[in-house]
Amino acid sequence: VPVEERDESGHGRMSGGQKSTRGTPQGGVISPLLANL
């Protein structure tokens, strides 16, 4: 899932998405469970 984030300056940026190969989306529904696993 692509995630829209904002940096310290308040500018928007996209992370994750189909090209993502590692990590779980910040704030994702399943992320805490997968991180614990």
Full PDB file with SEQRES, HELIX, SHEET, SSBOND, CRYST1, ORIGX, SCALE, CONECT and MASTER records, all heavy atoms in Angstrom:
SEQRES   1 A   37  VAL PRO VAL GLU GLU ARG ASP GLU SER GLY HIS GLY ARG          
SEQRES   2 A   37  MET SER GLY GLY GLN LYS SER THR ARG GLY THR PRO GLN          
SEQRES   3 A   37  GLY GLY VAL ILE SER PRO LEU LEU ALA ASN LEU                  
HELIX    1 AA1 SER A   31  ASN A   36  1                                   6    
SHEET    1 AA1 2 PRO A   2  ARG A   6  0                                        
SHEET    2 AA1 2 GLY A  12  GLY A  16 -1                                        
CRYST1    1.000    1.000    1.000  90.00  90.00  90.00 P 1           1          
ORIGX1      1.000000  0.000000  0.000000        0.00000                         
ORIGX2      0.000000  1.000000  0.000000        0.00000                         
ORIGX3      0.000000  0.000000  1.000000        0.00000                         
SCALE1      1.000000  0.000000  0.000000        0.00000                         
SCALE2      0.000000  1.000000  0.000000        0.00000                         
SCALE3      0.000000  0.000000  1.000000        0.00000                         
ATOM      1  N   VAL A   1       0.841  -1.200   0.000  1.00  0.00           N  
ATOM      2  CA  VAL A   1       0.000   0.000   0.000  1.00  0.00           C  
ATOM      3  C   VAL A   1       0.881   1.257   0.000  1.00  0.00           C  
ATOM      4  O   VAL A   1       1.783   1.379   0.824  1.00  0.00           O  
ATOM      5  CB  VAL A   1      -0.915   0.011   1.236  1.00  0.00           C  
ATOM      6  CG1 VAL A   1      -1.622   1.355   1.373  1.00  0.00           C  
ATOM      7  CG2 VAL A   1      -1.948  -1.108   1.142  1.00  0.00           C  
ATOM      8  N   PRO A   2       0.627   2.217  -0.899  1.00  0.00           N  
ATOM      9  CA  PRO A   2       1.386   3.473  -0.870  1.00  0.00           C  
ATOM     10  C   PRO A   2       0.946   4.327   0.322  1.00  0.00           C  
ATOM     11  O   PRO A   2      -0.216   4.311   0.719  1.00  0.00           O  
ATOM     12  CB  PRO A   2       1.016   4.139  -2.199  1.00  0.00           C  
ATOM     13  CG  PRO A   2      -0.314   3.554  -2.555  1.00  0.00           C  
ATOM     14  CD  PRO A   2      -0.318   2.146  -2.031  1.00  0.00           C  
ATOM     15  N   VAL A   3       1.878   5.034   0.911  1.00  0.00           N  
ATOM     16  CA  VAL A   3       1.605   5.856   2.090  1.00  0.00           C  
ATOM     17  C   VAL A   3       2.032   7.292   1.812  1.00  0.00           C  
ATOM     18  O   VAL A   3       3.147   7.535   1.328  1.00  0.00           O  
ATOM     19  CB  VAL A   3       2.361   5.322   3.329  1.00  0.00           C  
ATOM     20  CG1 VAL A   3       2.112   6.219   4.530  1.00  0.00           C  
ATOM     21  CG2 VAL A   3       1.938   3.893   3.638  1.00  0.00           C  
ATOM     22  N   GLU A   4       1.144   8.222   2.105  1.00  0.00           N  
ATOM     23  CA  GLU A   4       1.485   9.636   1.966  1.00  0.00           C  
ATOM     24  C   GLU A   4       1.987  10.151   3.314  1.00  0.00           C  
ATOM     25  O   GLU A   4       1.294  10.023   4.327  1.00  0.00           O  
ATOM     26  CB  GLU A   4       0.277  10.450   1.506  1.00  0.00           C  
ATOM     27  CG  GLU A   4       0.610  11.920   1.282  1.00  0.00           C  
ATOM     28  CD  GLU A   4      -0.574  12.717   0.758  1.00  0.00           C  
ATOM     29  OE1 GLU A   4      -1.665  12.124   0.604  1.00  0.00           O  
ATOM     30  OE2 GLU A   4      -0.405  13.923   0.513  1.00  0.00           O  
ATOM     31  N   GLU A   5       3.172  10.715   3.332  1.00  0.00           N  
ATOM     32  CA  GLU A   5       3.785  11.212   4.553  1.00  0.00           C  
ATOM     33  C   GLU A   5       4.138  12.684   4.392  1.00  0.00           C  
ATOM     34  O   GLU A   5       4.154  13.220   3.289  1.00  0.00           O  
ATOM     35  CB  GLU A   5       5.055  10.420   4.885  1.00  0.00           C  
ATOM     36  CG  GLU A   5       4.836   8.923   5.034  1.00  0.00           C  
ATOM     37  CD  GLU A   5       6.145   8.184   5.220  1.00  0.00           C  
ATOM     38  OE1 GLU A   5       7.066   8.399   4.399  1.00  0.00           O  
ATOM     39  OE2 GLU A   5       6.248   7.406   6.179  1.00  0.00           O  
ATOM     40  N   ARG A   6       4.456  13.316   5.526  1.00  0.00           N  
ATOM     41  CA  ARG A   6       4.943  14.689   5.501  1.00  0.00           C  
ATOM     42  C   ARG A   6       6.257  14.760   6.250  1.00  0.00           C  
ATOM     43  O   ARG A   6       6.390  14.178   7.331  1.00  0.00           O  
ATOM     44  CB  ARG A   6       3.921  15.644   6.128  1.00  0.00           C  
ATOM     45  CG  ARG A   6       2.638  15.765   5.304  1.00  0.00           C  
ATOM     46  CD  ARG A   6       1.747  16.903   5.769  1.00  0.00           C  
ATOM     47  NE  ARG A   6       0.557  17.006   4.946  1.00  0.00           N  
ATOM     48  CZ  ARG A   6       0.516  17.646   3.776  1.00  0.00           C  
ATOM     49  NH1 ARG A   6       1.611  18.249   3.316  1.00  0.00           N  
ATOM     50  NH2 ARG A   6      -0.593  17.695   3.083  1.00  0.00           N  
ATOM     51  N   ASP A   7       7.214  15.459   5.665  1.00  0.00           N  
ATOM     52  CA  ASP A   7       8.510  15.572   6.322  1.00  0.00           C  
ATOM     53  C   ASP A   7       8.462  16.667   7.378  1.00  0.00           C  
ATOM     54  O   ASP A   7       7.401  17.252   7.649  1.00  0.00           O  
ATOM     55  CB  ASP A   7       9.618  15.842   5.301  1.00  0.00           C  
ATOM     56  CG  ASP A   7       9.358  17.110   4.477  1.00  0.00           C  
ATOM     57  OD1 ASP A   7       8.625  17.990   4.957  1.00  0.00           O  
ATOM     58  OD2 ASP A   7       9.891  17.204   3.359  1.00  0.00           O  
ATOM     59  N   GLU A   8       9.606  16.973   7.994  1.00  0.00           N  
ATOM     60  CA  GLU A   8       9.658  17.963   9.071  1.00  0.00           C  
ATOM     61  C   GLU A   8       9.258  19.357   8.597  1.00  0.00           C  
ATOM     62  O   GLU A   8       8.823  20.186   9.397  1.00  0.00           O  
ATOM     63  CB  GLU A   8      11.069  17.989   9.665  1.00  0.00           C  
ATOM     64  CG  GLU A   8      11.472  16.668  10.339  1.00  0.00           C  
ATOM     65  CD  GLU A   8      12.872  16.732  10.886  1.00  0.00           C  
ATOM     66  OE1 GLU A   8      13.564  17.755  10.655  1.00  0.00           O  
ATOM     67  OE2 GLU A   8      13.289  15.756  11.552  1.00  0.00           O  
ATOM     68  N   SER A   9       9.397  19.613   7.309  1.00  0.00           N  
ATOM     69  CA  SER A   9       9.016  20.921   6.758  1.00  0.00           C  
ATOM     70  C   SER A   9       7.556  20.987   6.350  1.00  0.00           C  
ATOM     71  O   SER A   9       7.086  22.032   5.886  1.00  0.00           O  
ATOM     72  CB  SER A   9       9.907  21.249   5.547  1.00  0.00           C  
ATOM     73  OG  SER A   9      11.281  21.242   5.907  1.00  0.00           O  
ATOM     74  N   GLY A  10       6.842  19.863   6.495  1.00  0.00           N  
ATOM     75  CA  GLY A  10       5.436  19.836   6.131  1.00  0.00           C  
ATOM     76  C   GLY A  10       5.164  19.489   4.685  1.00  0.00           C  
ATOM     77  O   GLY A  10       4.011  19.519   4.235  1.00  0.00           O  
ATOM     78  N   HIS A  11       6.216  19.155   3.933  1.00  0.00           N  
ATOM     79  CA  HIS A  11       6.034  18.807   2.520  1.00  0.00           C  
ATOM     80  C   HIS A  11       5.603  17.342   2.394  1.00  0.00           C  
ATOM     81  O   HIS A  11       6.132  16.463   3.063  1.00  0.00           O  
ATOM     82  CB  HIS A  11       7.331  19.043   1.748  1.00  0.00           C  
ATOM     83  CG  HIS A  11       7.813  20.461   1.801  1.00  0.00           C  
ATOM     84  ND1 HIS A  11       7.088  21.518   1.287  1.00  0.00           N  
ATOM     85  CD2 HIS A  11       8.950  21.004   2.324  1.00  0.00           C  
ATOM     86  CE1 HIS A  11       7.746  22.641   1.468  1.00  0.00           C  
ATOM     87  NE2 HIS A  11       8.877  22.364   2.108  1.00  0.00           N  
ATOM     88  N   GLY A  12       4.654  17.104   1.511  1.00  0.00           N  
ATOM     89  CA  GLY A  12       4.154  15.755   1.312  1.00  0.00           C  
ATOM     90  C   GLY A  12       5.088  14.909   0.470  1.00  0.00           C  
ATOM     91  O   GLY A  12       5.804  15.421  -0.391  1.00  0.00           O  
ATOM     92  N   ARG A  13       5.076  13.612   0.729  1.00  0.00           N  
ATOM     93  CA  ARG A  13       5.874  12.675  -0.059  1.00  0.00           C  
ATOM     94  C   ARG A  13       5.214  11.311   0.015  1.00  0.00           C  
ATOM     95  O   ARG A  13       4.493  11.004   0.960  1.00  0.00           O  
ATOM     96  CB  ARG A  13       7.305  12.600   0.461  1.00  0.00           C  
ATOM     97  CG  ARG A  13       7.425  12.078   1.880  1.00  0.00           C  
ATOM     98  CD  ARG A  13       8.861  12.108   2.359  1.00  0.00           C  
ATOM     99  NE  ARG A  13       8.959  11.591   3.735  1.00  0.00           N  
ATOM    100  CZ  ARG A  13      10.069  11.620   4.460  1.00  0.00           C  
ATOM    101  NH1 ARG A  13      11.169  12.134   3.948  1.00  0.00           N  
ATOM    102  NH2 ARG A  13      10.079  11.134   5.694  1.00  0.00           N  
ATOM    103  N   MET A  14       5.477  10.495  -0.981  1.00  0.00           N  
ATOM    104  CA  MET A  14       4.904   9.158  -1.034  1.00  0.00           C  
ATOM    105  C   MET A  14       5.972   8.117  -0.743  1.00  0.00           C  
ATOM    106  O   MET A  14       7.134   8.270  -1.134  1.00  0.00           O  
ATOM    107  CB  MET A  14       4.300   8.895  -2.408  1.00  0.00           C  
ATOM    108  CG  MET A  14       3.172   9.836  -2.793  1.00  0.00           C  
ATOM    109  SD  MET A  14       1.737   9.720  -1.698  1.00  0.00           S  
ATOM    110  CE  MET A  14       1.197   8.039  -2.044  1.00  0.00           C  
ATOM    111  N   SER A  15       5.582   7.075  -0.029  1.00  0.00           N  
ATOM    112  CA  SER A  15       6.491   5.961   0.233  1.00  0.00           C  
ATOM    113  C   SER A  15       5.717   4.661   0.055  1.00  0.00           C  
ATOM    114  O   SER A  15       4.494   4.653  -0.042  1.00  0.00           O  
ATOM    115  CB  SER A  15       7.068   6.046   1.653  1.00  0.00           C  
ATOM    116  OG  SER A  15       6.043   5.910   2.623  1.00  0.00           O  
ATOM    117  N   GLY A  16       6.456   3.550   0.033  1.00  0.00           N  
ATOM    118  CA  GLY A  16       5.805   2.260  -0.156  1.00  0.00           C  
ATOM    119  C   GLY A  16       5.348   2.073  -1.590  1.00  0.00           C  
ATOM    120  O   GLY A  16       5.977   2.542  -2.535  1.00  0.00           O  
ATOM    121  N   GLY A  17       4.242   1.372  -1.742  1.00  0.00           N  
ATOM    122  CA  GLY A  17       3.727   1.121  -3.082  1.00  0.00           C  
ATOM    123  C   GLY A  17       4.210  -0.202  -3.658  1.00  0.00           C  
ATOM    124  O   GLY A  17       4.891  -0.986  -2.995  1.00  0.00           O  
ATOM    125  N   GLN A  18       3.885  -0.449  -4.910  1.00  0.00           N  
ATOM    126  CA  GLN A  18       4.194  -1.723  -5.560  1.00  0.00           C  
ATOM    127  C   GLN A  18       5.692  -2.002  -5.658  1.00  0.00           C  
ATOM    128  O   GLN A  18       6.108  -3.147  -5.683  1.00  0.00           O  
ATOM    129  CB  GLN A  18       3.573  -1.751  -6.963  1.00  0.00           C  
ATOM    130  CG  GLN A  18       2.048  -1.815  -6.956  1.00  0.00           C  
ATOM    131  CD  GLN A  18       1.521  -3.072  -6.281  1.00  0.00           C  
ATOM    132  OE1 GLN A  18       2.069  -4.160  -6.457  1.00  0.00           O  
ATOM    133  NE2 GLN A  18       0.460  -2.927  -5.497  1.00  0.00           N  
ATOM    134  N   LYS A  19       6.497  -0.939  -5.698  1.00  0.00           N  
ATOM    135  CA  LYS A  19       7.936  -1.125  -5.821  1.00  0.00           C  
ATOM    136  C   LYS A  19       8.624  -1.382  -4.482  1.00  0.00           C  
ATOM    137  O   LYS A  19       9.816  -1.658  -4.448  1.00  0.00           O  
ATOM    138  CB  LYS A  19       8.552   0.102  -6.497  1.00  0.00           C  
ATOM    139  CG  LYS A  19       8.102   0.309  -7.937  1.00  0.00           C  
ATOM    140  CD  LYS A  19       8.795   1.509  -8.558  1.00  0.00           C  
ATOM    141  CE  LYS A  19       8.353   1.710  -9.999  1.00  0.00           C  
ATOM    142  NZ  LYS A  19       9.025   2.887 -10.615  1.00  0.00           N  
ATOM    143  N   SER A  20       7.879  -1.288  -3.407  1.00  0.00           N  
ATOM    144  CA  SER A  20       8.464  -1.496  -2.079  1.00  0.00           C  
ATOM    145  C   SER A  20       8.866  -2.959  -1.899  1.00  0.00           C  
ATOM    146  O   SER A  20       8.102  -3.876  -2.204  1.00  0.00           O  
ATOM    147  CB  SER A  20       7.461  -1.103  -0.990  1.00  0.00           C  
ATOM    148  OG  SER A  20       7.979  -1.367   0.296  1.00  0.00           O  
ATOM    149  N   THR A  21      10.079  -3.180  -1.398  1.00  0.00           N  
ATOM    150  CA  THR A  21      10.579  -4.550  -1.206  1.00  0.00           C  
ATOM    151  C   THR A  21      10.920  -4.856   0.248  1.00  0.00           C  
ATOM    152  O   THR A  21      11.288  -5.990   0.560  1.00  0.00           O  
ATOM    153  CB  THR A  21      11.839  -4.783  -2.058  1.00  0.00           C  
ATOM    154  OG1 THR A  21      12.845  -3.824  -1.684  1.00  0.00           O  
ATOM    155  CG2 THR A  21      11.522  -4.637  -3.539  1.00  0.00           C  
ATOM    156  N   ARG A  22      10.794  -3.872   1.142  1.00  0.00           N  
ATOM    157  CA  ARG A  22      11.098  -4.143   2.537  1.00  0.00           C  
ATOM    158  C   ARG A  22      10.315  -3.180   3.422  1.00  0.00           C  
ATOM    159  O   ARG A  22       9.916  -2.101   3.005  1.00  0.00           O  
ATOM    160  CB  ARG A  22      12.594  -4.001   2.813  1.00  0.00           C  
ATOM    161  CG  ARG A  22      13.152  -2.611   2.591  1.00  0.00           C  
ATOM    162  CD  ARG A  22      14.647  -2.591   2.850  1.00  0.00           C  
ATOM    163  NE  ARG A  22      14.940  -2.946   4.235  1.00  0.00           N  
ATOM    164  CZ  ARG A  22      16.112  -3.445   4.640  1.00  0.00           C  
ATOM    165  NH1 ARG A  22      17.077  -3.671   3.766  1.00  0.00           N  
ATOM    166  NH2 ARG A  22      16.317  -3.721   5.902  1.00  0.00           N  
ATOM    167  N   GLY A  23      10.096  -3.610   4.671  1.00  0.00           N  
ATOM    168  CA  GLY A  23       9.390  -2.764   5.619  1.00  0.00           C  
ATOM    169  C   GLY A  23       7.884  -2.891   5.519  1.00  0.00           C  
ATOM    170  O   GLY A  23       7.340  -3.495   4.583  1.00  0.00           O  
ATOM    171  N   THR A  24       7.199  -2.333   6.507  1.00  0.00           N  
ATOM    172  CA  THR A  24       5.742  -2.301   6.502  1.00  0.00           C  
ATOM    173  C   THR A  24       5.291  -0.849   6.511  1.00  0.00           C  
ATOM    174  O   THR A  24       5.968   0.009   7.070  1.00  0.00           O  
ATOM    175  CB  THR A  24       5.156  -3.009   7.752  1.00  0.00           C  
ATOM    176  OG1 THR A  24       5.658  -2.357   8.930  1.00  0.00           O  
ATOM    177  CG2 THR A  24       5.556  -4.467   7.778  1.00  0.00           C  
ATOM    178  N   PRO A  25       4.160  -0.537   5.887  1.00  0.00           N  
ATOM    179  CA  PRO A  25       3.699   0.853   5.811  1.00  0.00           C  
ATOM    180  C   PRO A  25       3.488   1.455   7.200  1.00  0.00           C  
ATOM    181  O   PRO A  25       2.840   0.851   8.053  1.00  0.00           O  
ATOM    182  CB  PRO A  25       2.370   0.749   5.046  1.00  0.00           C  
ATOM    183  CG  PRO A  25       2.458  -0.540   4.309  1.00  0.00           C  
ATOM    184  CD  PRO A  25       3.248  -1.455   5.178  1.00  0.00           C  
ATOM    185  N   GLN A  26       4.056   2.636   7.435  1.00  0.00           N  
ATOM    186  CA  GLN A  26       3.867   3.315   8.707  1.00  0.00           C  
ATOM    187  C   GLN A  26       2.393   3.627   8.906  1.00  0.00           C  
ATOM    188  O   GLN A  26       1.764   4.254   8.055  1.00  0.00           O  
ATOM    189  CB  GLN A  26       4.683   4.620   8.725  1.00  0.00           C  
ATOM    190  CG  GLN A  26       4.634   5.372  10.044  1.00  0.00           C  
ATOM    191  CD  GLN A  26       5.417   4.672  11.136  1.00  0.00           C  
ATOM    192  OE1 GLN A  26       6.338   3.917  10.856  1.00  0.00           O  
ATOM    193  NE2 GLN A  26       5.045   4.899  12.377  1.00  0.00           N  
ATOM    194  N   GLY A  27       1.830   3.176  10.023  1.00  0.00           N  
ATOM    195  CA  GLY A  27       0.418   3.400  10.288  1.00  0.00           C  
ATOM    196  C   GLY A  27      -0.500   2.386   9.647  1.00  0.00           C  
ATOM    197  O   GLY A  27      -1.727   2.494   9.754  1.00  0.00           O  
ATOM    198  N   GLY A  28       0.059   1.389   8.983  1.00  0.00           N  
ATOM    199  CA  GLY A  28      -0.761   0.379   8.330  1.00  0.00           C  
ATOM    200  C   GLY A  28      -1.492  -0.503   9.338  1.00  0.00           C  
ATOM    201  O   GLY A  28      -1.011  -0.719  10.453  1.00  0.00           O  
ATOM    202  N   VAL A  29      -2.640  -1.019   8.926  1.00  0.00           N  
ATOM    203  CA  VAL A  29      -3.462  -1.831   9.822  1.00  0.00           C  
ATOM    204  C   VAL A  29      -2.704  -3.059  10.320  1.00  0.00           C  
ATOM    205  O   VAL A  29      -2.763  -3.421  11.490  1.00  0.00           O  
ATOM    206  CB  VAL A  29      -4.760  -2.266   9.102  1.00  0.00           C  
ATOM    207  CG1 VAL A  29      -5.571  -3.207   9.988  1.00  0.00           C  
ATOM    208  CG2 VAL A  29      -5.589  -1.054   8.718  1.00  0.00           C  
ATOM    209  N   ILE A  30      -1.964  -3.698   9.436  1.00  0.00           N  
ATOM    210  CA  ILE A  30      -1.307  -4.956   9.765  1.00  0.00           C  
ATOM    211  C   ILE A  30       0.120  -4.748  10.277  1.00  0.00           C  
ATOM    212  O   ILE A  30       0.755  -5.697  10.778  1.00  0.00           O  
ATOM    213  CB  ILE A  30      -1.295  -5.884   8.523  1.00  0.00           C  
ATOM    214  CG1 ILE A  30      -1.091  -7.352   8.914  1.00  0.00           C  
ATOM    215  CG2 ILE A  30      -0.240  -5.420   7.524  1.00  0.00           C  
ATOM    216  CD1 ILE A  30      -2.243  -7.938   9.678  1.00  0.00           C  
ATOM    217  N   SER A  31       0.653  -3.545  10.154  1.00  0.00           N  
ATOM    218  CA  SER A  31       2.066  -3.297  10.453  1.00  0.00           C  
ATOM    219  C   SER A  31       2.492  -3.701  11.868  1.00  0.00           C  
ATOM    220  O   SER A  31       3.520  -4.374  12.037  1.00  0.00           O  
ATOM    221  CB  SER A  31       2.413  -1.834  10.193  1.00  0.00           C  
ATOM    222  OG  SER A  31       2.285  -1.538   8.817  1.00  0.00           O  
ATOM    223  N   PRO A  32       1.750  -3.320  12.925  1.00  0.00           N  
ATOM    224  CA  PRO A  32       2.194  -3.701  14.277  1.00  0.00           C  
ATOM    225  C   PRO A  32       2.275  -5.215  14.469  1.00  0.00           C  
ATOM    226  O   PRO A  32       3.209  -5.719  15.089  1.00  0.00           O  
ATOM    227  CB  PRO A  32       1.124  -3.083  15.185  1.00  0.00           C  
ATOM    228  CG  PRO A  32       0.560  -1.963  14.384  1.00  0.00           C  
ATOM    229  CD  PRO A  32       0.570  -2.439  12.970  1.00  0.00           C  
ATOM    230  N   LEU A  33       1.294  -5.938  13.909  1.00  0.00           N  
ATOM    231  CA  LEU A  33       1.292  -7.399  14.057  1.00  0.00           C  
ATOM    232  C   LEU A  33       2.478  -8.018  13.322  1.00  0.00           C  
ATOM    233  O   LEU A  33       3.171  -8.891  13.857  1.00  0.00           O  
ATOM    234  CB  LEU A  33      -0.020  -7.975  13.522  1.00  0.00           C  
ATOM    235  CG  LEU A  33      -0.156  -9.503  13.583  1.00  0.00           C  
ATOM    236  CD1 LEU A  33      -0.058  -9.999  15.013  1.00  0.00           C  
ATOM    237  CD2 LEU A  33      -1.471  -9.949  12.955  1.00  0.00           C  
ATOM    238  N   LEU A  34       2.735  -7.554  12.116  1.00  0.00           N  
ATOM    239  CA  LEU A  34       3.854  -8.098  11.348  1.00  0.00           C  
ATOM    240  C   LEU A  34       5.193  -7.752  11.992  1.00  0.00           C  
ATOM    241  O   LEU A  34       6.121  -8.571  12.002  1.00  0.00           O  
ATOM    242  CB  LEU A  34       3.812  -7.572   9.910  1.00  0.00           C  
ATOM    243  CG  LEU A  34       2.616  -8.016   9.059  1.00  0.00           C  
ATOM    244  CD1 LEU A  34       2.700  -7.414   7.663  1.00  0.00           C  
ATOM    245  CD2 LEU A  34       2.539  -9.539   8.982  1.00  0.00           C  
ATOM    246  N   ALA A  35       5.295  -6.553  12.546  1.00  0.00           N  
ATOM    247  CA  ALA A  35       6.540  -6.154  13.208  1.00  0.00           C  
ATOM    248  C   ALA A  35       6.812  -7.048  14.418  1.00  0.00           C  
ATOM    249  O   ALA A  35       7.939  -7.489  14.647  1.00  0.00           O  
ATOM    250  CB  ALA A  35       6.459  -4.692  13.627  1.00  0.00           C  
ATOM    251  N   ASN A  36       5.770  -7.322  15.189  1.00  0.00           N  
ATOM    252  CA  ASN A  36       5.921  -8.213  16.346  1.00  0.00           C  
ATOM    253  C   ASN A  36       6.303  -9.619  15.915  1.00  0.00           C  
ATOM    254  O   ASN A  36       7.138 -10.279  16.544  1.00  0.00           O  
ATOM    255  CB  ASN A  36       4.616  -8.253  17.150  1.00  0.00           C  
ATOM    256  CG  ASN A  36       4.537  -7.151  18.183  1.00  0.00           C  
ATOM    257  OD1 ASN A  36       5.396  -7.017  19.047  1.00  0.00           O  
ATOM    258  ND2 ASN A  36       3.503  -6.339  18.087  1.00  0.00           N  
ATOM    259  N   LEU A  37       5.692 -10.088  14.839  1.00  0.00           N  
ATOM    260  CA  LEU A  37       5.976 -11.423  14.327  1.00  0.00           C  
ATOM    261  C   LEU A  37       7.435 -11.541  13.900  1.00  0.00           C  
ATOM    262  O   LEU A  37       8.111 -12.537  14.205  1.00  0.00           O  
ATOM    263  CB  LEU A  37       5.043 -11.735  13.154  1.00  0.00           C  
ATOM    264  CG  LEU A  37       5.141 -13.134  12.549  1.00  0.00           C  
ATOM    265  CD1 LEU A  37       4.758 -14.176  13.572  1.00  0.00           C  
ATOM    266  CD2 LEU A  37       4.235 -13.230  11.324  1.00  0.00           C  
TER     267      LEU A  37                                                      
MASTER        0    0    0    1    2    0    0    6  266    1    0    3          
END                                                                             
